[in-house]
Amino acid sequence: MIGDQVEWDGLTWTIAEMDGNQVSKIGVRIVTD
């Protein structure tokens, strides 16, 4: 779903856009403590 976030490998990946069932755009943010 759009807006879902996953932390992986020190980064936060956010789904920004979907095309049907496929993710078409993601945002990446560095996780800071």
N, C-alpha and C. Protein backbone atom coordinates (compact mmCIF):
# COMPACT_ATOMS: atom_id res chain seq x y z
N MET A 1 0.83 -1.20 0.00
CA MET A 1 0.00 0.00 0.00
C MET A 1 0.87 1.25 0.00
N ILE A 2 0.39 2.29 -0.62
CA ILE A 2 1.13 3.56 -0.66
C ILE A 2 1.31 4.08 0.77
N GLY A 3 2.52 4.50 1.07
CA GLY A 3 2.83 5.01 2.40
C GLY A 3 3.43 3.97 3.33
N ASP A 4 3.36 2.69 2.95
CA ASP A 4 3.98 1.65 3.77
C ASP A 4 5.48 1.89 3.84
N GLN A 5 6.05 1.65 5.01
CA GLN A 5 7.48 1.83 5.21
C GLN A 5 8.11 0.55 5.70
N VAL A 6 9.31 0.28 5.20
CA VAL A 6 10.08 -0.88 5.62
C VAL A 6 11.49 -0.40 5.93
N GLU A 7 12.00 -0.77 7.09
CA GLU A 7 13.40 -0.48 7.41
C GLU A 7 14.23 -1.68 7.00
N TRP A 8 15.25 -1.44 6.18
CA TRP A 8 16.09 -2.52 5.69
C TRP A 8 17.46 -1.97 5.37
N ASP A 9 18.49 -2.63 5.86
CA ASP A 9 19.88 -2.28 5.54
C ASP A 9 20.20 -0.83 5.91
N GLY A 10 19.63 -0.35 7.02
CA GLY A 10 19.93 0.99 7.49
C GLY A 10 19.18 2.09 6.76
N LEU A 11 18.23 1.72 5.90
CA LEU A 11 17.45 2.70 5.15
C LEU A 11 15.97 2.48 5.40
N THR A 12 15.19 3.53 5.27
CA THR A 12 13.73 3.41 5.32
C THR A 12 13.21 3.54 3.89
N TRP A 13 12.55 2.49 3.43
CA TRP A 13 11.99 2.45 2.07
C TRP A 13 10.50 2.72 2.19
N THR A 14 10.00 3.70 1.46
CA THR A 14 8.58 4.07 1.50
C THR A 14 7.98 3.92 0.11
N ILE A 15 6.85 3.22 0.04
CA ILE A 15 6.15 3.08 -1.23
C ILE A 15 5.46 4.41 -1.54
N ALA A 16 5.85 5.04 -2.66
CA ALA A 16 5.32 6.35 -3.02
C ALA A 16 4.24 6.26 -4.08
N GLU A 17 4.30 5.22 -4.92
CA GLU A 17 3.35 5.13 -6.02
C GLU A 17 3.21 3.69 -6.45
N MET A 18 1.98 3.30 -6.82
CA MET A 18 1.74 1.94 -7.28
C MET A 18 1.05 1.97 -8.63
N ASP A 19 1.37 0.98 -9.46
CA ASP A 19 0.74 0.81 -10.76
C ASP A 19 0.07 -0.55 -10.74
N GLY A 20 -1.22 -0.56 -10.41
CA GLY A 20 -1.91 -1.83 -10.20
C GLY A 20 -1.36 -2.49 -8.95
N ASN A 21 -0.81 -3.70 -9.09
CA ASN A 21 -0.24 -4.41 -7.95
C ASN A 21 1.27 -4.25 -7.86
N GLN A 22 1.86 -3.46 -8.76
CA GLN A 22 3.31 -3.30 -8.79
C GLN A 22 3.71 -1.94 -8.22
N VAL A 23 4.78 -1.95 -7.44
CA VAL A 23 5.32 -0.69 -6.93
C VAL A 23 6.04 0.00 -8.09
N SER A 24 5.67 1.24 -8.38
CA SER A 24 6.29 1.95 -9.50
C SER A 24 7.23 3.06 -9.04
N LYS A 25 7.13 3.45 -7.77
CA LYS A 25 8.03 4.49 -7.27
C LYS A 25 8.22 4.29 -5.78
N ILE A 26 9.48 4.37 -5.33
CA ILE A 26 9.76 4.27 -3.90
C ILE A 26 10.59 5.46 -3.46
N GLY A 27 10.49 5.76 -2.18
CA GLY A 27 11.34 6.77 -1.58
C GLY A 27 12.28 6.07 -0.60
N VAL A 28 13.49 6.59 -0.49
CA VAL A 28 14.48 6.00 0.41
C VAL A 28 14.98 7.08 1.35
N ARG A 29 15.04 6.74 2.63
CA ARG A 29 15.55 7.68 3.62
C ARG A 29 16.54 6.95 4.51
N ILE A 30 17.64 7.61 4.84
CA ILE A 30 18.62 7.03 5.75
C ILE A 30 18.06 7.06 7.17
N VAL A 31 18.13 5.93 7.85
CA VAL A 31 17.64 5.84 9.22
C VAL A 31 18.69 6.45 10.15
N THR A 32 18.25 7.40 10.97
CA THR A 32 19.15 7.99 11.96
C THR A 32 18.62 7.68 13.35
N ASP A 33 19.53 7.39 14.24
CA ASP A 33 19.13 7.03 15.61
C ASP A 33 18.82 8.26 16.45
